[in-house]
Amino acid sequence: MLRQLALADMGAAAQIHRIAFDQAMPWLAGLHRPEEDRWFYCERIFPTCRVWGRFDDDVLSGIIAHRDGWVEQLYVLPVAQGRGVGSELLDIAKGAGDRLELWTFQRNAPARRFYEARGFRLVEQTDGTRNEEREPDARYIWTR
């Protein structure tokens, strides 16, 4: 089941983010404490983005946060990856407009393959000096 998330869901969304992030990028694991992640989702993501979640038997398995042509966050639990959860969530954001942009890390090859397979094209790479993690990143664009 897909549904838009409420403020009360932001703790669970933050937990999905942390689990998926740490699994995909172990070299950055533990960057933030759980309470920092919850604060970020409650105070930064929820007020500015439309946040949707995918539930499997009442258990949140993936989230997407998007706004004004940008995908801000897209995370799927490792146990749910490869089952179409990310694609379903991305389709929600695609349905909101004719263009989407997003950033991902250059070293996150699975994410890059995922986006490229869904019509995103690479338009910029940076050395990471502008992101919190100081990790080289890549900007992608999708257009209808």
Protein backbone atom coordinates (compact mmCIF):
# COMPACT_ATOMS: atom_id res chain seq x y z
CA MET A 1 0.00 0.00 0.00
CA LEU A 2 1.21 3.49 -0.87
CA ARG A 3 0.12 6.53 1.12
CA GLN A 4 1.18 10.04 1.92
CA LEU A 5 2.92 10.15 5.28
CA ALA A 6 1.94 12.31 8.24
CA LEU A 7 4.13 14.04 10.80
CA ALA A 8 3.57 11.05 13.11
CA ASP A 9 5.28 8.85 10.49
CA MET A 10 8.49 10.87 10.34
CA GLY A 11 10.29 8.79 12.99
CA ALA A 12 9.73 5.66 10.92
CA ALA A 13 10.75 7.52 7.74
CA ALA A 14 13.99 8.63 9.41
CA GLN A 15 14.67 5.05 10.45
CA ILE A 16 14.18 3.78 6.86
CA HIS A 17 16.59 6.50 5.69
CA ARG A 18 19.28 5.55 8.19
CA ILE A 19 19.07 1.78 7.60
CA ALA A 20 19.12 2.09 3.80
CA PHE A 21 21.77 4.84 3.78
CA ASP A 22 24.15 2.94 6.06
CA GLN A 23 23.69 -0.28 4.07
CA ALA A 24 24.28 1.41 0.70
CA MET A 25 27.17 3.58 1.85
CA PRO A 26 28.95 1.89 4.75
CA TRP A 27 31.87 4.31 4.45
CA LEU A 28 29.43 7.03 5.67
CA ALA A 29 27.57 4.90 8.25
CA GLY A 30 26.79 6.57 11.53
CA LEU A 31 27.04 10.08 10.13
CA HIS A 32 24.05 11.14 12.27
CA ARG A 33 22.47 9.89 15.47
CA PRO A 34 18.84 8.62 15.31
CA GLU A 35 17.54 11.72 17.13
CA GLU A 36 19.24 13.94 14.53
CA ASP A 37 17.62 11.96 11.73
CA ARG A 38 14.18 12.30 13.37
CA TRP A 39 14.69 16.05 13.82
CA PHE A 40 15.71 16.38 10.16
CA TYR A 41 12.59 14.58 8.93
CA CYS A 42 10.21 16.40 11.30
CA GLU A 43 11.68 19.90 10.95
CA ARG A 44 13.18 19.99 7.44
CA ILE A 45 11.66 17.31 5.23
CA PHE A 46 8.02 17.16 6.38
CA PRO A 47 7.37 20.94 6.21
CA THR A 48 8.86 21.34 2.72
CA CYS A 49 8.17 18.08 0.87
CA ARG A 50 5.42 15.69 -0.03
CA VAL A 51 6.47 12.50 1.71
CA TRP A 52 5.06 9.14 0.64
CA GLY A 53 5.64 5.69 1.97
CA ARG A 54 5.23 2.12 0.82
CA PHE A 55 3.82 -0.26 3.41
CA ASP A 56 3.97 -4.05 3.46
CA ASP A 57 1.49 -5.35 6.04
CA ASP A 58 1.57 -2.10 8.06
CA VAL A 59 5.39 -2.02 7.99
CA LEU A 60 6.99 0.94 6.24
CA SER A 61 9.45 -0.41 3.67
CA GLY A 62 10.33 2.68 1.61
CA ILE A 63 9.92 6.44 1.45
CA ILE A 64 10.16 9.26 -1.05
CA ALA A 65 10.23 12.98 -0.28
CA HIS A 66 9.82 15.31 -3.26
CA ARG A 67 9.07 18.95 -3.93
CA ASP A 68 8.98 21.33 -6.87
CA GLY A 69 10.69 19.06 -9.38
CA TRP A 70 13.23 17.61 -6.94
CA VAL A 71 13.54 14.23 -5.31
CA GLU A 72 14.99 15.08 -1.92
CA GLN A 73 15.02 11.58 -0.42
CA LEU A 74 14.33 8.09 -1.73
CA TYR A 75 15.17 5.14 0.50
CA VAL A 76 14.02 1.52 0.54
CA LEU A 77 14.85 -1.01 3.23
CA PRO A 78 17.50 -3.44 1.97
CA VAL A 79 15.14 -6.42 2.51
CA ALA A 80 12.55 -4.77 0.23
CA GLN A 81 14.92 -3.73 -2.56
CA GLY A 82 14.52 -5.39 -5.94
CA ARG A 83 10.74 -5.74 -5.54
CA GLY A 84 9.60 -2.56 -7.30
CA VAL A 85 9.19 -0.45 -4.15
CA GLY A 86 11.59 2.25 -5.32
CA SER A 87 9.98 2.37 -8.75
CA GLU A 88 6.49 2.74 -7.24
CA LEU A 89 7.67 5.59 -5.04
CA LEU A 90 9.54 7.29 -7.88
CA ASP A 91 6.41 7.08 -10.05
CA ILE A 92 4.59 9.20 -7.46
CA ALA A 93 7.12 11.99 -7.88
CA LYS A 94 7.12 11.57 -11.68
CA GLY A 95 3.35 11.95 -11.66
CA ALA A 96 3.63 15.36 -10.00
CA GLY A 97 5.34 17.07 -12.94
CA ASP A 98 7.23 16.87 -16.19
CA ARG A 99 10.75 17.15 -14.77
CA LEU A 100 12.64 15.80 -11.76
CA GLU A 101 16.15 16.37 -10.52
CA LEU A 102 18.11 14.62 -7.80
CA TRP A 103 21.57 14.16 -6.37
CA THR A 104 23.21 10.86 -5.51
CA PHE A 105 26.75 9.97 -4.60
CA GLN A 106 29.08 8.96 -7.40
CA ARG A 107 30.18 5.86 -5.48
CA ASN A 108 26.59 4.67 -5.01
CA ALA A 109 26.58 2.58 -8.19
CA PRO A 110 23.32 0.71 -7.40
CA ALA A 111 21.43 4.01 -7.02
CA ARG A 112 22.93 5.38 -10.20
CA ARG A 113 21.93 2.24 -12.14
CA PHE A 114 18.43 2.45 -10.63
CA TYR A 115 17.90 6.06 -11.75
CA GLU A 116 19.46 5.57 -15.17
CA ALA A 117 17.21 2.54 -15.81
CA ARG A 118 14.21 4.76 -15.07
CA GLY A 119 15.08 7.46 -17.57
CA PHE A 120 17.27 9.81 -15.55
CA ARG A 121 20.35 11.19 -17.26
CA LEU A 122 23.55 12.39 -15.69
CA VAL A 123 24.04 16.16 -16.08
CA GLU A 124 26.66 17.12 -13.50
CA GLN A 125 29.31 15.66 -11.23
CA THR A 126 31.01 17.51 -8.38
CA ASP A 127 33.87 16.89 -6.00
CA GLY A 128 31.49 16.94 -3.00
CA THR A 129 32.65 20.21 -1.47
CA ARG A 130 29.05 21.49 -1.49
CA ASN A 131 27.49 18.56 0.38
CA GLU A 132 27.60 17.76 4.07
CA GLU A 133 29.31 14.43 3.57
CA ARG A 134 32.09 15.88 1.36
CA GLU A 135 31.41 12.95 -0.95
CA PRO A 136 31.66 13.37 -4.76
CA ASP A 137 28.14 13.46 -6.11
CA ALA A 138 26.17 13.30 -9.33
CA ARG A 139 23.09 15.26 -10.40
CA TYR A 140 20.48 13.56 -12.56
CA ILE A 141 17.50 14.90 -14.50
CA TRP A 142 14.39 13.15 -15.75
CA THR A 143 11.95 14.75 -18.19
CA ARG A 144 8.66 13.39 -19.42
